[in-house]
């Protein structure tokens, strides 16, 4: 199914409340948002399922469903005309996909788990939901699917807003590759 900016069906999809960036939250706000996101994962997965089906995609909640959703995402992403930044609706979709990516990664490797990103503001994933937990991995390392997919939606929007500035097309298989990246990045480095 091909969609353009005006063809995406949003009925039944509820956008996340997006008031601040993760690194702008107080520690208490970050913990509260993290708890809300973790507690609402199944509801958000159903929200993505409704969104996918409303837009003509088959959806069974499996990894293979992510590629058609990625295609819809690239073609349908909308942006604010004055800035080229993605609309809140598309950032919200990226958050929901990040939850799916994290859960798919955890299903592949039971050592992994969700946590709140630690470290300072310079750490990727600071105060956002991150994936951690593989024994033998670099201590303190965390994979940040929320940050990765927020950057991806921003890139998709810039490509549509000003393709010359963007310099490269969006990666067409980002959602699927994100799962592999999360799993590989938090596993121990093995020497051959």
C-alpha atoms as a PDB file:
ATOM      1  CA  UNK A   1       0.000   0.000   0.000  1.00  0.00           C
ATOM      2  CA  UNK A   2       1.379   3.399  -0.921  1.00  0.00           C
ATOM      3  CA  UNK A   3       0.449   6.453   1.081  1.00  0.00           C
ATOM      4  CA  UNK A   4       1.229  10.097   0.726  1.00  0.00           C
ATOM      5  CA  UNK A   5       1.034  12.800   3.387  1.00  0.00           C
ATOM      6  CA  UNK A   6      -2.706  13.304   2.990  1.00  0.00           C
ATOM      7  CA  UNK A   7      -3.551   9.602   2.558  1.00  0.00           C
ATOM      8  CA  UNK A   8      -2.525   8.285   5.975  1.00  0.00           C
ATOM      9  CA  UNK A   9      -5.482   7.196   8.112  1.00  0.00           C
ATOM     10  CA  UNK A  10      -5.161   8.308  11.751  1.00  0.00           C
ATOM     11  CA  UNK A  11      -8.611   7.377  13.081  1.00  0.00           C
ATOM     12  CA  UNK A  12      -8.288   5.190  16.160  1.00  0.00           C
ATOM     13  CA  UNK A  13      -4.658   6.136  16.791  1.00  0.00           C
ATOM     14  CA  UNK A  14      -3.949   8.148  19.945  1.00  0.00           C
ATOM     15  CA  UNK A  15      -0.770  10.216  19.895  1.00  0.00           C
ATOM     16  CA  UNK A  16       1.581  10.034  22.887  1.00  0.00           C
ATOM     17  CA  UNK A  17       1.752  13.149  25.019  1.00  0.00           C
ATOM     18  CA  UNK A  18       5.057  14.651  23.884  1.00  0.00           C
ATOM     19  CA  UNK A  19       5.839  17.719  25.945  1.00  0.00           C
ATOM     20  CA  UNK A  20       9.613  17.537  26.527  1.00  0.00           C
ATOM     21  CA  UNK A  21      12.665  15.737  25.229  1.00  0.00           C
ATOM     22  CA  UNK A  22      13.884  12.910  27.488  1.00  0.00           C
ATOM     23  CA  UNK A  23      16.978  14.832  28.550  1.00  0.00           C
ATOM     24  CA  UNK A  24      14.816  17.819  29.571  1.00  0.00           C
ATOM     25  CA  UNK A  25      12.763  15.798  32.065  1.00  0.00           C
ATOM     26  CA  UNK A  26      13.425  15.863  35.776  1.00  0.00           C
ATOM     27  CA  UNK A  27      14.463  12.451  37.158  1.00  0.00           C
ATOM     28  CA  UNK A  28      10.992  12.086  38.678  1.00  0.00           C
ATOM     29  CA  UNK A  29       9.288  12.920  35.358  1.00  0.00           C
ATOM     30  CA  UNK A  30      11.576  10.440  33.558  1.00  0.00           C
ATOM     31  CA  UNK A  31      10.688   7.645  35.991  1.00  0.00           C
ATOM     32  CA  UNK A  32       6.984   8.430  35.662  1.00  0.00           C
ATOM     33  CA  UNK A  33       7.138   8.450  31.848  1.00  0.00           C
ATOM     34  CA  UNK A  34       9.159   5.228  31.838  1.00  0.00           C
ATOM     35  CA  UNK A  35       6.590   3.493  34.081  1.00  0.00           C
ATOM     36  CA  UNK A  36       3.729   4.744  31.905  1.00  0.00           C
ATOM     37  CA  UNK A  37       5.431   3.530  28.710  1.00  0.00           C
ATOM     38  CA  UNK A  38       6.294   0.118  30.159  1.00  0.00           C
ATOM     39  CA  UNK A  39       2.818  -0.397  31.644  1.00  0.00           C
ATOM     40  CA  UNK A  40       1.166   0.644  28.385  1.00  0.00           C
ATOM     41  CA  UNK A  41       3.227  -1.481  25.966  1.00  0.00           C
ATOM     42  CA  UNK A  42       0.438  -3.894  25.056  1.00  0.00           C
ATOM     43  CA  UNK A  43      -2.014  -1.031  24.568  1.00  0.00           C
ATOM     44  CA  UNK A  44       0.497   0.803  22.331  1.00  0.00           C
ATOM     45  CA  UNK A  45       1.118  -2.402  20.349  1.00  0.00           C
ATOM     46  CA  UNK A  46      -2.630  -2.602  19.734  1.00  0.00           C
ATOM     47  CA  UNK A  47      -2.605   1.090  18.758  1.00  0.00           C
ATOM     48  CA  UNK A  48       0.048   0.329  16.093  1.00  0.00           C
ATOM     49  CA  UNK A  49      -1.978  -2.682  14.933  1.00  0.00           C
ATOM     50  CA  UNK A  50      -5.065  -0.475  14.444  1.00  0.00           C
ATOM     51  CA  UNK A  51      -2.990   2.148  12.655  1.00  0.00           C
ATOM     52  CA  UNK A  52      -1.428  -0.453  10.342  1.00  0.00           C
ATOM     53  CA  UNK A  53      -4.748  -2.107   9.516  1.00  0.00           C
ATOM     54  CA  UNK A  54      -6.484   1.262   8.960  1.00  0.00           C
ATOM     55  CA  UNK A  55      -3.805   1.975   6.375  1.00  0.00           C
ATOM     56  CA  UNK A  56      -4.264  -1.320   4.534  1.00  0.00           C
ATOM     57  CA  UNK A  57      -1.376  -3.276   6.053  1.00  0.00           C
ATOM     58  CA  UNK A  58      -1.600  -6.862   7.242  1.00  0.00           C
ATOM     59  CA  UNK A  59      -0.673  -6.947  10.920  1.00  0.00           C
ATOM     60  CA  UNK A  60      -0.073 -10.000  13.072  1.00  0.00           C
ATOM     61  CA  UNK A  61       2.236  -8.378  15.615  1.00  0.00           C
ATOM     62  CA  UNK A  62       5.331 -10.210  14.365  1.00  0.00           C
ATOM     63  CA  UNK A  63       8.722  -8.899  13.244  1.00  0.00           C
ATOM     64  CA  UNK A  64       7.893  -9.408   9.566  1.00  0.00           C
ATOM     65  CA  UNK A  65       5.067  -6.862   9.893  1.00  0.00           C
ATOM     66  CA  UNK A  66       7.581  -4.090  10.541  1.00  0.00           C
ATOM     67  CA  UNK A  67       8.844  -3.755   6.950  1.00  0.00           C
ATOM     68  CA  UNK A  68       5.477  -2.744   5.414  1.00  0.00           C
ATOM     69  CA  UNK A  69       4.984  -0.353   8.343  1.00  0.00           C
ATOM     70  CA  UNK A  70       8.452   1.100   7.638  1.00  0.00           C
ATOM     71  CA  UNK A  71       7.469   1.615   3.984  1.00  0.00           C
ATOM     72  CA  UNK A  72       4.273   3.417   5.020  1.00  0.00           C
ATOM     73  CA  UNK A  73       6.268   5.487   7.490  1.00  0.00           C
ATOM     74  CA  UNK A  74       8.775   6.693   4.865  1.00  0.00           C
ATOM     75  CA  UNK A  75       6.119   7.526   2.326  1.00  0.00           C
ATOM     76  CA  UNK A  76       3.602   9.028   4.725  1.00  0.00           C
ATOM     77  CA  UNK A  77       5.741  10.989   7.172  1.00  0.00           C
ATOM     78  CA  UNK A  78       4.562  14.567   7.511  1.00  0.00           C
ATOM     79  CA  UNK A  79       6.436  17.594   8.790  1.00  0.00           C
ATOM     80  CA  UNK A  80       5.859  21.127  10.002  1.00  0.00           C
ATOM     81  CA  UNK A  81       6.251  23.342   6.935  1.00  0.00           C
ATOM     82  CA  UNK A  82       8.123  26.106   8.753  1.00  0.00           C
ATOM     83  CA  UNK A  83      10.836  23.877  10.229  1.00  0.00           C
ATOM     84  CA  UNK A  84      10.930  20.520   8.464  1.00  0.00           C
ATOM     85  CA  UNK A  85      10.549  18.804  11.854  1.00  0.00           C
ATOM     86  CA  UNK A  86       8.278  15.766  11.933  1.00  0.00           C
ATOM     87  CA  UNK A  87       4.786  16.224  13.309  1.00  0.00           C
ATOM     88  CA  UNK A  88       3.988  14.900  16.784  1.00  0.00           C
ATOM     89  CA  UNK A  89       1.910  12.124  15.221  1.00  0.00           C
ATOM     90  CA  UNK A  90       4.937  10.674  13.424  1.00  0.00           C
ATOM     91  CA  UNK A  91       7.185  11.020  16.467  1.00  0.00           C
ATOM     92  CA  UNK A  92       4.497   9.154  18.401  1.00  0.00           C
ATOM     93  CA  UNK A  93       4.555   6.345  15.816  1.00  0.00           C
ATOM     94  CA  UNK A  94       8.351   6.227  16.227  1.00  0.00           C
ATOM     95  CA  UNK A  95       7.901   5.813  20.002  1.00  0.00           C
ATOM     96  CA  UNK A  96       5.470   2.944  19.473  1.00  0.00           C
ATOM     97  CA  UNK A  97       7.818   1.283  16.993  1.00  0.00           C
ATOM     98  CA  UNK A  98      10.666   1.737  19.520  1.00  0.00           C
ATOM     99  CA  UNK A  99       8.584  -0.184  22.080  1.00  0.00           C
ATOM    100  CA  UNK A 100       8.024  -2.963  19.525  1.00  0.00           C
ATOM    101  CA  UNK A 101      11.709  -3.024  18.558  1.00  0.00           C
ATOM    102  CA  UNK A 102      12.726  -3.324  22.212  1.00  0.00           C
ATOM    103  CA  UNK A 103      10.218  -6.078  22.910  1.00  0.00           C
ATOM    104  CA  UNK A 104      11.268  -8.008  19.779  1.00  0.00           C
ATOM    105  CA  UNK A 105      14.926  -7.689  20.848  1.00  0.00           C
ATOM    106  CA  UNK A 106      14.077  -8.959  24.341  1.00  0.00           C
ATOM    107  CA  UNK A 107      12.163 -11.890  22.813  1.00  0.00           C
ATOM    108  CA  UNK A 108      15.326 -12.826  20.894  1.00  0.00           C
ATOM    109  CA  UNK A 109      17.585 -12.634  23.945  1.00  0.00           C
ATOM    110  CA  UNK A 110      16.015 -13.212  27.385  1.00  0.00           C
ATOM    111  CA  UNK A 111      19.014 -11.587  29.127  1.00  0.00           C
ATOM    112  CA  UNK A 112      17.851  -8.218  27.851  1.00  0.00           C
ATOM    113  CA  UNK A 113      15.422  -5.909  29.613  1.00  0.00           C
ATOM    114  CA  UNK A 114      14.045  -2.375  29.541  1.00  0.00           C
ATOM    115  CA  UNK A 115      15.594   0.244  31.838  1.00  0.00           C
ATOM    116  CA  UNK A 116      15.850   4.022  32.138  1.00  0.00           C
ATOM    117  CA  UNK A 117      18.903   5.401  30.370  1.00  0.00           C
ATOM    118  CA  UNK A 118      21.604   6.374  32.866  1.00  0.00           C
ATOM    119  CA  UNK A 119      24.668   8.558  32.680  1.00  0.00           C
ATOM    120  CA  UNK A 120      24.729  12.230  31.887  1.00  0.00           C
ATOM    121  CA  UNK A 121      22.948  14.263  29.243  1.00  0.00           C
ATOM    122  CA  UNK A 122      25.721  13.445  26.796  1.00  0.00           C
ATOM    123  CA  UNK A 123      24.940   9.705  26.997  1.00  0.00           C
ATOM    124  CA  UNK A 124      22.810   8.430  24.152  1.00  0.00           C
ATOM    125  CA  UNK A 125      19.501   7.377  25.628  1.00  0.00           C
ATOM    126  CA  UNK A 126      19.814   9.482  28.800  1.00  0.00           C
ATOM    127  CA  UNK A 127      16.494   9.199  30.697  1.00  0.00           C
ATOM    128  CA  UNK A 128      14.811   7.427  27.758  1.00  0.00           C
ATOM    129  CA  UNK A 129      13.754   3.773  27.747  1.00  0.00           C
ATOM    130  CA  UNK A 130      16.833   1.723  26.825  1.00  0.00           C
ATOM    131  CA  UNK A 131      17.720  -1.956  26.498  1.00  0.00           C
ATOM    132  CA  UNK A 132      20.343  -3.377  28.874  1.00  0.00           C
ATOM    133  CA  UNK A 133      21.238  -6.568  30.641  1.00  0.00           C
ATOM    134  CA  UNK A 134      23.361  -8.998  28.715  1.00  0.00           C
ATOM    135  CA  UNK A 135      25.975 -10.537  31.029  1.00  0.00           C
ATOM    136  CA  UNK A 136      29.453  -9.915  29.730  1.00  0.00           C
ATOM    137  CA  UNK A 137      28.474  -6.816  27.765  1.00  0.00           C
ATOM    138  CA  UNK A 138      30.410  -3.616  28.240  1.00  0.00           C
ATOM    139  CA  UNK A 139      29.378  -2.407  31.729  1.00  0.00           C
ATOM    140  CA  UNK A 140      26.888   0.423  31.549  1.00  0.00           C
ATOM    141  CA  UNK A 141      26.215  -0.003  27.832  1.00  0.00           C
ATOM    142  CA  UNK A 142      22.651   0.654  26.770  1.00  0.00           C
ATOM    143  CA  UNK A 143      20.901   0.460  23.394  1.00  0.00           C
ATOM    144  CA  UNK A 144      18.572   3.407  22.822  1.00  0.00           C
ATOM    145  CA  UNK A 145      15.770   2.499  20.372  1.00  0.00           C
ATOM    146  CA  UNK A 146      13.747   5.601  21.262  1.00  0.00           C
ATOM    147  CA  UNK A 147      16.599   7.942  20.352  1.00  0.00           C
ATOM    148  CA  UNK A 148      17.476   5.945  17.218  1.00  0.00           C
ATOM    149  CA  UNK A 149      13.912   6.013  15.901  1.00  0.00           C
ATOM    150  CA  UNK A 150      13.347   9.671  16.817  1.00  0.00           C
ATOM    151  CA  UNK A 151      16.429  10.521  14.732  1.00  0.00           C
ATOM    152  CA  UNK A 152      15.064   8.343  11.936  1.00  0.00           C
ATOM    153  CA  UNK A 153      11.698  10.129  11.852  1.00  0.00           C
ATOM    154  CA  UNK A 154      13.526  13.476  11.846  1.00  0.00           C
ATOM    155  CA  UNK A 155      15.652  12.305   8.909  1.00  0.00           C
ATOM    156  CA  UNK A 156      12.568  11.106   7.001  1.00  0.00           C
ATOM    157  CA  UNK A 157      10.932  14.508   7.527  1.00  0.00           C
ATOM    158  CA  UNK A 158      14.025  16.416   6.397  1.00  0.00           C
ATOM    159  CA  UNK A 159      14.246  14.260   3.259  1.00  0.00           C
ATOM    160  CA  UNK A 160      10.710  15.315   2.347  1.00  0.00           C
ATOM    161  CA  UNK A 161      11.156  18.928   3.425  1.00  0.00           C
ATOM    162  CA  UNK A 162      14.521  19.555   1.757  1.00  0.00           C
ATOM    163  CA  UNK A 163      16.019  16.532  -0.019  1.00  0.00           C
ATOM    164  CA  UNK A 164      19.173  18.446  -0.965  1.00  0.00           C
ATOM    165  CA  UNK A 165      19.985  19.207   2.672  1.00  0.00           C
ATOM    166  CA  UNK A 166      19.240  15.625   3.711  1.00  0.00           C
ATOM    167  CA  UNK A 167      21.955  14.220   1.393  1.00  0.00           C
ATOM    168  CA  UNK A 168      20.698  10.650   1.802  1.00  0.00           C
ATOM    169  CA  UNK A 169      17.425   8.771   1.574  1.00  0.00           C
ATOM    170  CA  UNK A 170      15.922   7.194   4.700  1.00  0.00           C
ATOM    171  CA  UNK A 171      17.163   3.669   5.314  1.00  0.00           C
ATOM    172  CA  UNK A 172      14.309   1.575   3.855  1.00  0.00           C
ATOM    173  CA  UNK A 173      14.647  -1.252   6.395  1.00  0.00           C
ATOM    174  CA  UNK A 174      15.365   0.746   9.569  1.00  0.00           C
ATOM    175  CA  UNK A 175      12.682  -0.866  11.758  1.00  0.00           C
ATOM    176  CA  UNK A 176      13.948  -4.389  11.059  1.00  0.00           C
ATOM    177  CA  UNK A 177      17.627  -3.403  11.292  1.00  0.00           C
ATOM    178  CA  UNK A 178      16.941  -1.646  14.600  1.00  0.00           C
ATOM    179  CA  UNK A 179      16.067  -4.980  16.228  1.00  0.00           C
ATOM    180  CA  UNK A 180      19.309  -6.549  15.014  1.00  0.00           C
ATOM    181  CA  UNK A 181      21.223  -3.474  16.144  1.00  0.00           C
ATOM    182  CA  UNK A 182      19.742  -3.520  19.629  1.00  0.00           C
ATOM    183  CA  UNK A 183      20.453  -7.221  20.128  1.00  0.00           C
ATOM    184  CA  UNK A 184      24.001  -7.076  18.753  1.00  0.00           C
ATOM    185  CA  UNK A 185      24.954  -3.845  20.505  1.00  0.00           C
ATOM    186  CA  UNK A 186      24.197  -5.055  24.012  1.00  0.00           C
ATOM    187  CA  UNK A 187      25.746  -8.507  23.683  1.00  0.00           C
ATOM    188  CA  UNK A 188      29.320  -9.152  24.731  1.00  0.00           C
ATOM    189  CA  UNK A 189      32.028  -8.623  22.151  1.00  0.00           C
ATOM    190  CA  UNK A 190      33.451 -11.997  21.216  1.00  0.00           C
ATOM    191  CA  UNK A 191      37.007 -12.419  20.088  1.00  0.00           C
ATOM    192  CA  UNK A 192      37.505 -15.018  17.326  1.00  0.00           C
END
